[in-house]
Amino acid sequence: MPLAIELVAGRVASYGIGRTAELLDERLAALWPGQRTAPPRQKTLQATLDWSYGQLSELERLLLRPLAVFVGHFSLDAALSVVSDGAFPEALVFEAFDNLITKSMVATRPAGAAM
């Protein structure tokens, strides 16, 4: 998230807050270039996401892909319903899902007593 904030903040002076927000809604921030001196994996948000995805285990990738059906927030039960096909023990699925959260590939937020 810090890279995304840095990329967006660098555009506010050029586009203004309103237009920058519109561009974010259009997902263009993923292509905006960062600092020239940054490592290649940090030059754009897309490069960072690609690099981060490459760091995932095969099980983590298998769990992350079906989560793309969600637009916005989803519950753990909803996530498990789209990723759990019984091919892996439930304990491994929970561990991999926890790893996705730890690696910032899935974000959590409180929803009452749950996340």
PDB file of N, CA and C in Angstrom:
ATOM      1  N   MET A   1       0.805  -1.201   0.000  1.00  0.00           N
ATOM      2  CA  MET A   1       0.000   0.000   0.000  1.00  0.00           C
ATOM      3  C   MET A   1       0.852   1.272   0.000  1.00  0.00           C
ATOM      4  N   PRO A   2       1.997   1.321   0.689  1.00  0.00           N
ATOM      5  CA  PRO A   2       2.789   2.551   0.658  1.00  0.00           C
ATOM      6  C   PRO A   2       3.208   2.946  -0.755  1.00  0.00           C
ATOM      7  N   LEU A   3       3.533   1.971  -1.614  1.00  0.00           N
ATOM      8  CA  LEU A   3       3.919   2.314  -2.985  1.00  0.00           C
ATOM      9  C   LEU A   3       2.737   2.929  -3.724  1.00  0.00           C
ATOM     10  N   ALA A   4       1.554   2.386  -3.546  1.00  0.00           N
ATOM     11  CA  ALA A   4       0.367   2.935  -4.201  1.00  0.00           C
ATOM     12  C   ALA A   4       0.126   4.367  -3.751  1.00  0.00           C
ATOM     13  N   ILE A   5       0.270   4.621  -2.461  1.00  0.00           N
ATOM     14  CA  ILE A   5       0.084   5.980  -1.932  1.00  0.00           C
ATOM     15  C   ILE A   5       1.126   6.919  -2.532  1.00  0.00           C
ATOM     16  N   GLU A   6       2.361   6.448  -2.608  1.00  0.00           N
ATOM     17  CA  GLU A   6       3.435   7.276  -3.173  1.00  0.00           C
ATOM     18  C   GLU A   6       3.165   7.591  -4.646  1.00  0.00           C
ATOM     19  N   LEU A   7       2.734   6.609  -5.407  1.00  0.00           N
ATOM     20  CA  LEU A   7       2.444   6.827  -6.819  1.00  0.00           C
ATOM     21  C   LEU A   7       1.292   7.810  -7.006  1.00  0.00           C
ATOM     22  N   VAL A   8       0.263   7.674  -6.196  1.00  0.00           N
ATOM     23  CA  VAL A   8      -0.898   8.562  -6.296  1.00  0.00           C
ATOM     24  C   VAL A   8      -0.538   9.971  -5.846  1.00  0.00           C
ATOM     25  N   ALA A   9       0.162  10.095  -4.741  1.00  0.00           N
ATOM     26  CA  ALA A   9       0.513  11.414  -4.213  1.00  0.00           C
ATOM     27  C   ALA A   9       1.326  12.210  -5.231  1.00  0.00           C
ATOM     28  N   GLY A  10       2.142  11.537  -5.989  1.00  0.00           N
ATOM     29  CA  GLY A  10       2.942  12.207  -7.005  1.00  0.00           C
ATOM     30  C   GLY A  10       2.121  12.766  -8.153  1.00  0.00           C
ATOM     31  N   ARG A  11       0.880  12.355  -8.302  1.00  0.00           N
ATOM     32  CA  ARG A  11       0.023  12.806  -9.396  1.00  0.00           C
ATOM     33  C   ARG A  11      -0.930  13.927  -8.995  1.00  0.00           C
ATOM     34  N   VAL A  12      -1.146  14.132  -7.707  1.00  0.00           N
ATOM     35  CA  VAL A  12      -2.120  15.129  -7.254  1.00  0.00           C
ATOM     36  C   VAL A  12      -1.747  16.522  -7.750  1.00  0.00           C
ATOM     37  N   ALA A  13      -0.466  16.865  -7.752  1.00  0.00           N
ATOM     38  CA  ALA A  13      -0.054  18.204  -8.207  1.00  0.00           C
ATOM     39  C   ALA A  13      -0.386  18.409  -9.684  1.00  0.00           C
ATOM     40  N   SER A  14      -0.336  17.359 -10.473  1.00  0.00           N
ATOM     41  CA  SER A  14      -0.617  17.469 -11.907  1.00  0.00           C
ATOM     42  C   SER A  14      -2.100  17.419 -12.231  1.00  0.00           C
ATOM     43  N   TYR A  15      -2.830  16.533 -11.563  1.00  0.00           N
ATOM     44  CA  TYR A  15      -4.223  16.276 -11.927  1.00  0.00           C
ATOM     45  C   TYR A  15      -5.249  16.850 -10.954  1.00  0.00           C
ATOM     46  N   GLY A  16      -4.813  17.200  -9.761  1.00  0.00           N
ATOM     47  CA  GLY A  16      -5.753  17.613  -8.723  1.00  0.00           C
ATOM     48  C   GLY A  16      -6.340  16.386  -8.038  1.00  0.00           C
ATOM     49  N   ILE A  17      -6.917  16.598  -6.879  1.00  0.00           N
ATOM     50  CA  ILE A  17      -7.430  15.465  -6.090  1.00  0.00           C
ATOM     51  C   ILE A  17      -8.591  14.774  -6.797  1.00  0.00           C
ATOM     52  N   GLY A  18      -9.524  15.546  -7.334  1.00  0.00           N
ATOM     53  CA  GLY A  18     -10.694  14.953  -7.977  1.00  0.00           C
ATOM     54  C   GLY A  18     -10.341  14.085  -9.165  1.00  0.00           C
ATOM     55  N   ARG A  19      -9.527  14.613 -10.067  1.00  0.00           N
ATOM     56  CA  ARG A  19      -9.147  13.833 -11.266  1.00  0.00           C
ATOM     57  C   ARG A  19      -8.282  12.649 -10.890  1.00  0.00           C
ATOM     58  N   THR A  20      -7.406  12.809  -9.897  1.00  0.00           N
ATOM     59  CA  THR A  20      -6.578  11.682  -9.449  1.00  0.00           C
ATOM     60  C   THR A  20      -7.471  10.571  -8.921  1.00  0.00           C
ATOM     61  N   ALA A  21      -8.502  10.921  -8.166  1.00  0.00           N
ATOM     62  CA  ALA A  21      -9.442   9.908  -7.663  1.00  0.00           C
ATOM     63  C   ALA A  21     -10.140   9.204  -8.814  1.00  0.00           C
ATOM     64  N   GLU A  22     -10.521   9.958  -9.855  1.00  0.00           N
ATOM     65  CA  GLU A  22     -11.149   9.341 -11.029  1.00  0.00           C
ATOM     66  C   GLU A  22     -10.196   8.368 -11.711  1.00  0.00           C
ATOM     67  N   LEU A  23      -8.940   8.770 -11.846  1.00  0.00           N
ATOM     68  CA  LEU A  23      -7.948   7.892 -12.471  1.00  0.00           C
ATOM     69  C   LEU A  23      -7.738   6.626 -11.651  1.00  0.00           C
ATOM     70  N   LEU A  24      -7.782   6.758 -10.338  1.00  0.00           N
ATOM     71  CA  LEU A  24      -7.672   5.567  -9.481  1.00  0.00           C
ATOM     72  C   LEU A  24      -8.843   4.629  -9.720  1.00  0.00           C
ATOM     73  N   ASP A  25     -10.033   5.197  -9.866  1.00  0.00           N
ATOM     74  CA  ASP A  25     -11.209   4.375 -10.148  1.00  0.00           C
ATOM     75  C   ASP A  25     -11.067   3.632 -11.465  1.00  0.00           C
ATOM     76  N   GLU A  26     -10.306   4.195 -12.384  1.00  0.00           N
ATOM     77  CA  GLU A  26     -10.087   3.571 -13.688  1.00  0.00           C
ATOM     78  C   GLU A  26      -8.900   2.599 -13.655  1.00  0.00           C
ATOM     79  N   ARG A  27      -8.311   2.427 -12.509  1.00  0.00           N
ATOM     80  CA  ARG A  27      -7.203   1.488 -12.295  1.00  0.00           C
ATOM     81  C   ARG A  27      -5.913   1.882 -13.022  1.00  0.00           C
ATOM     82  N   LEU A  28      -5.787   3.147 -13.382  1.00  0.00           N
ATOM     83  CA  LEU A  28      -4.582   3.575 -14.080  1.00  0.00           C
ATOM     84  C   LEU A  28      -3.372   3.678 -13.163  1.00  0.00           C
ATOM     85  N   ALA A  29      -3.590   3.746 -11.864  1.00  0.00           N
ATOM     86  CA  ALA A  29      -2.465   3.881 -10.932  1.00  0.00           C
ATOM     87  C   ALA A  29      -1.505   2.703 -11.043  1.00  0.00           C
ATOM     88  N   ALA A  30      -2.002   1.547 -11.457  1.00  0.00           N
ATOM     89  CA  ALA A  30      -1.139   0.372 -11.571  1.00  0.00           C
ATOM     90  C   ALA A  30      -0.053   0.568 -12.622  1.00  0.00           C
ATOM     91  N   LEU A  31      -0.268   1.491 -13.554  1.00  0.00           N
ATOM     92  CA  LEU A  31       0.688   1.712 -14.634  1.00  0.00           C
ATOM     93  C   LEU A  31       1.550   2.952 -14.439  1.00  0.00           C
ATOM     94  N   TRP A  32       1.212   3.792 -13.473  1.00  0.00           N
ATOM     95  CA  TRP A  32       1.966   5.010 -13.260  1.00  0.00           C
ATOM     96  C   TRP A  32       3.395   4.699 -12.847  1.00  0.00           C
ATOM     97  N   PRO A  33       4.362   5.345 -13.456  1.00  0.00           N
ATOM     98  CA  PRO A  33       5.750   5.085 -13.076  1.00  0.00           C
ATOM     99  C   PRO A  33       6.108   5.724 -11.739  1.00  0.00           C
ATOM    100  N   GLY A  34       6.957   5.031 -11.005  1.00  0.00           N
ATOM    101  CA  GLY A  34       7.465   5.558  -9.747  1.00  0.00           C
ATOM    102  C   GLY A  34       8.804   6.244  -9.982  1.00  0.00           C
ATOM    103  N   GLN A  35       9.633   6.259  -8.970  1.00  0.00           N
ATOM    104  CA  GLN A  35      10.939   6.895  -9.082  1.00  0.00           C
ATOM    105  C   GLN A  35      11.845   6.118 -10.033  1.00  0.00           C
ATOM    106  N   ARG A  36      12.613   6.849 -10.820  1.00  0.00           N
ATOM    107  CA  ARG A  36      13.524   6.206 -11.777  1.00  0.00           C
ATOM    108  C   ARG A  36      14.561   5.348 -11.079  1.00  0.00           C
ATOM    109  N   THR A  37      14.932   5.702  -9.850  1.00  0.00           N
ATOM    110  CA  THR A  37      15.987   4.987  -9.140  1.00  0.00           C
ATOM    111  C   THR A  37      15.459   3.786  -8.354  1.00  0.00           C
ATOM    112  N   ALA A  38      14.165   3.572  -8.378  1.00  0.00           N
ATOM    113  CA  ALA A  38      13.573   2.449  -7.635  1.00  0.00           C
ATOM    114  C   ALA A  38      13.949   1.127  -8.305  1.00  0.00           C
ATOM    115  N   PRO A  39      14.014   0.051  -7.510  1.00  0.00           N
ATOM    116  CA  PRO A  39      14.232  -1.267  -8.119  1.00  0.00           C
ATOM    117  C   PRO A  39      13.118  -1.555  -9.121  1.00  0.00           C
ATOM    118  N   PRO A  40      13.375  -2.355 -10.145  1.00  0.00           N
ATOM    119  CA  PRO A  40      12.350  -2.637 -11.162  1.00  0.00           C
ATOM    120  C   PRO A  40      11.012  -3.087 -10.585  1.00  0.00           C
ATOM    121  N   ARG A  41      11.041  -3.860  -9.517  1.00  0.00           N
ATOM    122  CA  ARG A  41       9.786  -4.361  -8.943  1.00  0.00           C
ATOM    123  C   ARG A  41       8.981  -3.261  -8.253  1.00  0.00           C
ATOM    124  N   GLN A  42       9.579  -2.077  -8.068  1.00  0.00           N
ATOM    125  CA  GLN A  42       8.887  -0.975  -7.404  1.00  0.00           C
ATOM    126  C   GLN A  42       8.658   0.220  -8.329  1.00  0.00           C
ATOM    127  N   LYS A  43       8.872   0.036  -9.621  1.00  0.00           N
ATOM    128  CA  LYS A  43       8.702   1.164 -10.547  1.00  0.00           C
ATOM    129  C   LYS A  43       7.248   1.451 -10.851  1.00  0.00           C
ATOM    130  N   THR A  44       6.400   0.441 -10.828  1.00  0.00           N
ATOM    131  CA  THR A  44       4.960   0.641 -10.983  1.00  0.00           C
ATOM    132  C   THR A  44       4.250  -0.275  -9.994  1.00  0.00           C
ATOM    133  N   LEU A  45       3.014   0.057  -9.702  1.00  0.00           N
ATOM    134  CA  LEU A  45       2.223  -0.797  -8.827  1.00  0.00           C
ATOM    135  C   LEU A  45       2.018  -2.162  -9.476  1.00  0.00           C
ATOM    136  N   GLN A  46       1.833  -2.188 -10.805  1.00  0.00           N
ATOM    137  CA  GLN A  46       1.664  -3.456 -11.516  1.00  0.00           C
ATOM    138  C   GLN A  46       2.912  -4.326 -11.356  1.00  0.00           C
ATOM    139  N   ALA A  47       4.092  -3.735 -11.475  1.00  0.00           N
ATOM    140  CA  ALA A  47       5.337  -4.495 -11.309  1.00  0.00           C
ATOM    141  C   ALA A  47       5.434  -5.054  -9.896  1.00  0.00           C
ATOM    142  N   THR A  48       5.009  -4.282  -8.908  1.00  0.00           N
ATOM    143  CA  THR A  48       5.035  -4.747  -7.522  1.00  0.00           C
ATOM    144  C   THR A  48       4.082  -5.919  -7.326  1.00  0.00           C
ATOM    145  N   LEU A  49       2.880  -5.793  -7.887  1.00  0.00           N
ATOM    146  CA  LEU A  49       1.913  -6.892  -7.772  1.00  0.00           C
ATOM    147  C   LEU A  49       2.417  -8.145  -8.475  1.00  0.00           C
ATOM    148  N   ASP A  50       2.998  -7.984  -9.656  1.00  0.00           N
ATOM    149  CA  ASP A  50       3.551  -9.130 -10.380  1.00  0.00           C
ATOM    150  C   ASP A  50       4.660  -9.801  -9.575  1.00  0.00           C
ATOM    151  N   TRP A  51       5.542  -9.000  -9.017  1.00  0.00           N
ATOM    152  CA  TRP A  51       6.646  -9.541  -8.212  1.00  0.00           C
ATOM    153  C   TRP A  51       6.097 -10.257  -6.981  1.00  0.00           C
ATOM    154  N   SER A  52       5.137  -9.621  -6.298  1.00  0.00           N
ATOM    155  CA  SER A  52       4.559 -10.227  -5.099  1.00  0.00           C
ATOM    156  C   SER A  52       3.868 -11.541  -5.427  1.00  0.00           C
ATOM    157  N   TYR A  53       3.142 -11.585  -6.537  1.00  0.00           N
ATOM    158  CA  TYR A  53       2.467 -12.814  -6.959  1.00  0.00           C
ATOM    159  C   TYR A  53       3.492 -13.914  -7.216  1.00  0.00           C
ATOM    160  N   GLY A  54       4.619 -13.542  -7.796  1.00  0.00           N
ATOM    161  CA  GLY A  54       5.691 -14.511  -8.060  1.00  0.00           C
ATOM    162  C   GLY A  54       6.306 -15.093  -6.794  1.00  0.00           C
ATOM    163  N   GLN A  55       6.156 -14.396  -5.672  1.00  0.00           N
ATOM    164  CA  GLN A  55       6.705 -14.863  -4.402  1.00  0.00           C
ATOM    165  C   GLN A  55       5.777 -15.846  -3.685  1.00  0.00           C
ATOM    166  N   LEU A  56       4.552 -16.006  -4.181  1.00  0.00           N
ATOM    167  CA  LEU A  56       3.591 -16.887  -3.519  1.00  0.00           C
ATOM    168  C   LEU A  56       3.871 -18.349  -3.822  1.00  0.00           C
ATOM    169  N   SER A  57       3.490 -19.201  -2.881  1.00  0.00           N
ATOM    170  CA  SER A  57       3.569 -20.645  -3.122  1.00  0.00           C
ATOM    171  C   SER A  57       2.471 -21.022  -4.114  1.00  0.00           C
ATOM    172  N   GLU A  58       2.562 -22.200  -4.679  1.00  0.00           N
ATOM    173  CA  GLU A  58       1.545 -22.647  -5.635  1.00  0.00           C
ATOM    174  C   GLU A  58       0.164 -22.711  -4.980  1.00  0.00           C
ATOM    175  N   LEU A  59       0.089 -23.173  -3.743  1.00  0.00           N
ATOM    176  CA  LEU A  59      -1.196 -23.225  -3.050  1.00  0.00           C
ATOM    177  C   LEU A  59      -1.754 -21.821  -2.830  1.00  0.00           C
ATOM    178  N   GLU A  60      -0.896 -20.880  -2.451  1.00  0.00           N
ATOM    179  CA  GLU A  60      -1.352 -19.503  -2.252  1.00  0.00           C
ATOM    180  C   GLU A  60      -1.886 -18.922  -3.563  1.00  0.00           C
ATOM    181  N   ARG A  61      -1.226 -19.228  -4.670  1.00  0.00           N
ATOM    182  CA  ARG A  61      -1.710 -18.763  -5.973  1.00  0.00           C
ATOM    183  C   ARG A  61      -3.053 -19.399  -6.315  1.00  0.00           C
ATOM    184  N   LEU A  62      -3.179 -20.692  -6.037  1.00  0.00           N
ATOM    185  CA  LEU A  62      -4.438 -21.388  -6.312  1.00  0.00           C
ATOM    186  C   LEU A  62      -5.591 -20.804  -5.506  1.00  0.00           C
ATOM    187  N   LEU A  63      -5.305 -20.330  -4.294  1.00  0.00           N
ATOM    188  CA  LEU A  63      -6.344 -19.726  -3.465  1.00  0.00           C
ATOM    189  C   LEU A  63      -6.641 -18.285  -3.883  1.00  0.00           C
ATOM    190  N   LEU A  64      -5.628 -17.568  -4.310  1.00  0.00           N
ATOM    191  CA  LEU A  64      -5.812 -16.151  -4.644  1.00  0.00           C
ATOM    192  C   LEU A  64      -6.618 -15.954  -5.929  1.00  0.00           C
ATOM    193  N   ARG A  65      -6.360 -16.771  -6.936  1.00  0.00           N
ATOM    194  CA  ARG A  65      -7.016 -16.584  -8.238  1.00  0.00           C
ATOM    195  C   ARG A  65      -8.542 -16.553  -8.163  1.00  0.00           C
ATOM    196  N   PRO A  66      -9.186 -17.510  -7.498  1.00  0.00           N
ATOM    197  CA  PRO A  66     -10.658 -17.463  -7.475  1.00  0.00           C
ATOM    198  C   PRO A  66     -11.225 -16.295  -6.674  1.00  0.00           C
ATOM    199  N   LEU A  67     -10.411 -15.675  -5.823  1.00  0.00           N
ATOM    200  CA  LEU A  67     -10.901 -14.526  -5.054  1.00  0.00           C
ATOM    201  C   LEU A  67     -11.184 -13.324  -5.956  1.00  0.00           C
ATOM    202  N   ALA A  68     -10.728 -13.381  -7.201  1.00  0.00           N
ATOM    203  CA  ALA A  68     -10.976 -12.286  -8.141  1.00  0.00           C
ATOM    204  C   ALA A  68     -12.462 -12.138  -8.478  1.00  0.00           C
ATOM    205  N   VAL A  69     -13.277 -13.129  -8.120  1.00  0.00           N
ATOM    206  CA  VAL A  69     -14.720 -13.001  -8.383  1.00  0.00           C
ATOM    207  C   VAL A  69     -15.349 -11.938  -7.493  1.00  0.00           C
ATOM    208  N   PHE A  70     -14.694 -11.600  -6.399  1.00  0.00           N
ATOM    209  CA  PHE A  70     -15.237 -10.609  -5.476  1.00  0.00           C
ATOM    210  C   PHE A  70     -14.847  -9.202  -5.908  1.00  0.00           C
ATOM    211  N   VAL A  71     -15.806  -8.321  -5.917  1.00  0.00           N
ATOM    212  CA  VAL A  71     -15.552  -6.905  -6.144  1.00  0.00           C
ATOM    213  C   VAL A  71     -15.878  -6.235  -4.819  1.00  0.00           C
ATOM    214  N   GLY A  72     -14.863  -5.822  -4.114  1.00  0.00           N
ATOM    215  CA  GLY A  72     -15.083  -5.234  -2.794  1.00  0.00           C
ATOM    216  C   GLY A  72     -14.873  -6.260  -1.695  1.00  0.00           C
ATOM    217  N   HIS A  73     -15.522  -6.015  -0.583  1.00  0.00           N
ATOM    218  CA  HIS A  73     -15.329  -6.825   0.612  1.00  0.00           C
ATOM    219  C   HIS A  73     -16.005  -8.185   0.488  1.00  0.00           C
ATOM    220  N   PHE A  74     -15.461  -9.161   1.214  1.00  0.00           N
ATOM    221  CA  PHE A  74     -16.066 -10.484   1.276  1.00  0.00           C
ATOM    222  C   PHE A  74     -15.727 -11.103   2.616  1.00  0.00           C
ATOM    223  N   SER A  75     -16.543 -12.043   3.040  1.00  0.00           N
ATOM    224  CA  SER A  75     -16.310 -12.715   4.320  1.00  0.00           C
ATOM    225  C   SER A  75     -15.386 -13.910   4.115  1.00  0.00           C
ATOM    226  N   LEU A  76     -14.834 -14.388   5.192  1.00  0.00           N
ATOM    227  CA  LEU A  76     -13.993 -15.577   5.135  1.00  0.00           C
ATOM    228  C   LEU A  76     -14.807 -16.761   4.628  1.00  0.00           C
ATOM    229  N   ASP A  77     -16.046 -16.890   5.083  1.00  0.00           N
ATOM    230  CA  ASP A  77     -16.894 -17.989   4.623  1.00  0.00           C
ATOM    231  C   ASP A  77     -17.118 -17.912   3.111  1.00  0.00           C
ATOM    232  N   ALA A  78     -17.348 -16.695   2.595  1.00  0.00           N
ATOM    233  CA  ALA A  78     -17.533 -16.530   1.150  1.00  0.00           C
ATOM    234  C   ALA A  78     -16.255 -16.900   0.406  1.00  0.00           C
ATOM    235  N   ALA A  79     -15.116 -16.480   0.937  1.00  0.00           N
ATOM    236  CA  ALA A  79     -13.837 -16.816   0.311  1.00  0.00           C
ATOM    237  C   ALA A  79     -13.626 -18.316   0.295  1.00  0.00           C
ATOM    238  N   LEU A  80     -13.904 -18.960   1.409  1.00  0.00           N
ATOM    239  CA  LEU A  80     -13.721 -20.412   1.482  1.00  0.00           C
ATOM    240  C   LEU A  80     -14.654 -21.142   0.522  1.00  0.00           C
ATOM    241  N   SER A  81     -15.833 -20.584   0.297  1.00  0.00           N
ATOM    242  CA  SER A  81     -16.776 -21.249  -0.606  1.00  0.00           C
ATOM    243  C   SER A  81     -16.285 -21.245  -2.054  1.00  0.00           C
ATOM    244  N   VAL A  82     -15.487 -20.242  -2.453  1.00  0.00           N
ATOM    245  CA  VAL A  82     -14.995 -20.220  -3.831  1.00  0.00           C
ATOM    246  C   VAL A  82     -13.622 -20.857  -4.001  1.00  0.00           C
ATOM    247  N   VAL A  83     -12.885 -21.033  -2.909  1.00  0.00           N
ATOM    248  CA  VAL A  83     -11.539 -21.612  -3.043  1.00  0.00           C
ATOM    249  C   VAL A  83     -11.457 -23.051  -2.576  1.00  0.00           C
ATOM    250  N   SER A  84     -12.409 -23.493  -1.807  1.00  0.00           N
ATOM    251  CA  SER A  84     -12.311 -24.819  -1.202  1.00  0.00           C
ATOM    252  C   SER A  84     -13.004 -25.853  -2.071  1.00  0.00           C
ATOM    253  N   ASP A  85     -12.216 -26.698  -2.694  1.00  0.00           N
ATOM    254  CA  ASP A  85     -12.789 -27.770  -3.510  1.00  0.00           C
ATOM    255  C   ASP A  85     -12.505 -29.142  -2.911  1.00  0.00           C
ATOM    256  N   GLY A  86     -11.957 -29.144  -1.699  1.00  0.00           N
ATOM    257  CA  GLY A  86     -11.664 -30.403  -1.022  1.00  0.00           C
ATOM    258  C   GLY A  86     -10.355 -31.042  -1.438  1.00  0.00           C
ATOM    259  N   ALA A  87      -9.619 -30.404  -2.355  1.00  0.00           N
ATOM    260  CA  ALA A  87      -8.355 -30.976  -2.820  1.00  0.00           C
ATOM    261  C   ALA A  87      -7.255 -30.862  -1.775  1.00  0.00           C
ATOM    262  N   PHE A  88      -7.408 -29.916  -0.853  1.00  0.00           N
ATOM    263  CA  PHE A  88      -6.396 -29.698   0.179  1.00  0.00           C
ATOM    264  C   PHE A  88      -7.053 -29.768   1.544  1.00  0.00           C
ATOM    265  N   PRO A  89      -6.318 -30.259   2.541  1.00  0.00           N
ATOM    266  CA  PRO A  89      -6.866 -30.261   3.901  1.00  0.00           C
ATOM    267  C   PRO A  89      -7.197 -28.837   4.350  1.00  0.00           C
ATOM    268  N   GLU A  90      -8.264 -28.713   5.112  1.00  0.00           N
ATOM    269  CA  GLU A  90      -8.730 -27.394   5.559  1.00  0.00           C
ATOM    270  C   GLU A  90      -7.636 -26.620   6.293  1.00  0.00           C
ATOM    271  N   ALA A  91      -6.819 -27.323   7.078  1.00  0.00           N
ATOM    272  CA  ALA A  91      -5.745 -26.648   7.816  1.00  0.00           C
ATOM    273  C   ALA A  91      -4.758 -25.982   6.862  1.00  0.00           C
ATOM    274  N   LEU A  92      -4.445 -26.631   5.744  1.00  0.00           N
ATOM    275  CA  LEU A  92      -3.537 -26.032   4.755  1.00  0.00           C
ATOM    276  C   LEU A  92      -4.176 -24.815   4.084  1.00  0.00           C
ATOM    277  N   VAL A  93      -5.469 -24.898   3.815  1.00  0.00           N
ATOM    278  CA  VAL A  93      -6.176 -23.779   3.196  1.00  0.00           C
ATOM    279  C   VAL A  93      -6.152 -22.570   4.127  1.00  0.00           C
ATOM    280  N   PHE A  94      -6.438 -22.786   5.413  1.00  0.00           N
ATOM    281  CA  PHE A  94      -6.415 -21.677   6.373  1.00  0.00           C
ATOM    282  C   PHE A  94      -5.011 -21.100   6.503  1.00  0.00           C
ATOM    283  N   GLU A  95      -4.006 -21.946   6.521  1.00  0.00           N
ATOM    284  CA  GLU A  95      -2.624 -21.462   6.622  1.00  0.00           C
ATOM    285  C   GLU A  95      -2.258 -20.629   5.392  1.00  0.00           C
ATOM    286  N   ALA A  96      -2.624 -21.113   4.207  1.00  0.00           N
ATOM    287  CA  ALA A  96      -2.316 -20.385   2.981  1.00  0.00           C
ATOM    288  C   ALA A  96      -3.072 -19.058   2.942  1.00  0.00           C
ATOM    289  N   PHE A  97      -4.322 -19.065   3.381  1.00  0.00           N
ATOM    290  CA  PHE A  97      -5.099 -17.827   3.410  1.00  0.00           C
ATOM    291  C   PHE A  97      -4.474 -16.832   4.379  1.00  0.00           C
ATOM    292  N   ASP A  98      -4.034 -17.316   5.529  1.00  0.00           N
ATOM    293  CA  ASP A  98      -3.343 -16.458   6.497  1.00  0.00           C
ATOM    294  C   ASP A  98      -2.067 -15.882   5.889  1.00  0.00           C
ATOM    295  N   ASN A  99      -1.352 -16.687   5.111  1.00  0.00           N
ATOM    296  CA  ASN A  99      -0.142 -16.213   4.448  1.00  0.00           C
ATOM    297  C   ASN A  99      -0.457 -15.107   3.444  1.00  0.00           C
ATOM    298  N   LEU A 100      -1.578 -15.236   2.726  1.00  0.00           N
ATOM    299  CA  LEU A 100      -1.974 -14.192   1.777  1.00  0.00           C
ATOM    300  C   LEU A 100      -2.234 -12.872   2.499  1.00  0.00           C
ATOM    301  N   ILE A 101      -2.806 -12.963   3.679  1.00  0.00           N
ATOM    302  CA  ILE A 101      -3.040 -11.757   4.478  1.00  0.00           C
ATOM    303  C   ILE A 101      -1.716 -11.184   4.957  1.00  0.00           C
ATOM    304  N   THR A 102      -0.853 -12.037   5.471  1.00  0.00           N
ATOM    305  CA  THR A 102       0.458 -11.603   5.964  1.00  0.00           C
ATOM    306  C   THR A 102       1.273 -10.949   4.849  1.00  0.00           C
ATOM    307  N   LYS A 103       1.150 -11.474   3.635  1.00  0.00           N
ATOM    308  CA  LYS A 103       1.902 -10.944   2.492  1.00  0.00           C
ATOM    309  C   LYS A 103       1.182  -9.788   1.799  1.00  0.00           C
ATOM    310  N   SER A 104       0.121  -9.298   2.416  1.00  0.00           N
ATOM    311  CA  SER A 104      -0.655  -8.146   1.909  1.00  0.00           C
ATOM    312  C   SER A 104      -1.263  -8.381   0.531  1.00  0.00           C
ATOM    313  N   MET A 105      -1.545  -9.627   0.195  1.00  0.00           N
ATOM    314  CA  MET A 105      -2.239  -9.927  -1.045  1.00  0.00           C
ATOM    315  C   MET A 105      -3.752  -9.948  -0.831  1.00  0.00           C
ATOM    316  N   VAL A 106      -4.157 -10.091   0.414  1.00  0.00           N
ATOM    317  CA  VAL A 106      -5.560  -9.982   0.825  1.00  0.00           C
ATOM    318  C   VAL A 106      -5.564  -9.075   2.047  1.00  0.00           C
ATOM    319  N   ALA A 107      -6.439  -8.096   2.022  1.00  0.00           N
ATOM    320  CA  ALA A 107      -6.527  -7.159   3.151  1.00  0.00           C
ATOM    321  C   ALA A 107      -7.737  -7.527   4.015  1.00  0.00           C
ATOM    322  N   THR A 108      -7.592  -7.319   5.306  1.00  0.00           N
ATOM    323  CA  THR A 108      -8.694  -7.594   6.223  1.00  0.00           C
ATOM    324  C   THR A 108      -9.228  -6.286   6.798  1.00  0.00           C
ATOM    325  N   ARG A 109     -10.462  -6.366   7.250  1.00  0.00           N
ATOM    326  CA  ARG A 109     -11.058  -5.244   7.967  1.00  0.00           C
ATOM    327  C   ARG A 109     -12.063  -5.823   8.940  1.00  0.00           C
ATOM    328  N   PRO A 110     -12.223  -5.183  10.105  1.00  0.00           N
ATOM    329  CA  PRO A 110     -13.186  -5.695  11.083  1.00  0.00           C
ATOM    330  C   PRO A 110     -14.614  -5.565  10.563  1.00  0.00           C
ATOM    331  N   ALA A 111     -15.395  -6.597  10.832  1.00  0.00           N
ATOM    332  CA  ALA A 111     -16.829  -6.593  10.503  1.00  0.00           C
ATOM    333  C   ALA A 111     -17.548  -7.162  11.712  1.00  0.00           C
ATOM    334  N   GLY A 112     -17.796  -6.311  12.681  1.00  0.00           N
ATOM    335  CA  GLY A 112     -18.367  -6.786  13.942  1.00  0.00           C
ATOM    336  C   GLY A 112     -17.312  -7.557  14.706  1.00  0.00           C
ATOM    337  N   ALA A 113     -17.635  -8.785  15.089  1.00  0.00           N
ATOM    338  CA  ALA A 113     -16.689  -9.622  15.835  1.00  0.00           C
ATOM    339  C   ALA A 113     -15.790 -10.419  14.890  1.00  0.00           C
ATOM    340  N   ALA A 114     -16.021 -10.325  13.595  1.00  0.00           N
ATOM    341  CA  ALA A 114     -15.246 -11.087  12.617  1.00  0.00           C
ATOM    342  C   ALA A 114     -14.352 -10.159  11.806  1.00  0.00           C
ATOM    343  N   MET A 115     -13.552 -10.765  10.945  1.00  0.00           N
ATOM    344  CA  MET A 115     -12.700 -10.001  10.020  1.00  0.00           C
ATOM    345  C   MET A 115     -13.152 -10.300   8.607  1.00  0.00           C
TER     346      MET A 115
END
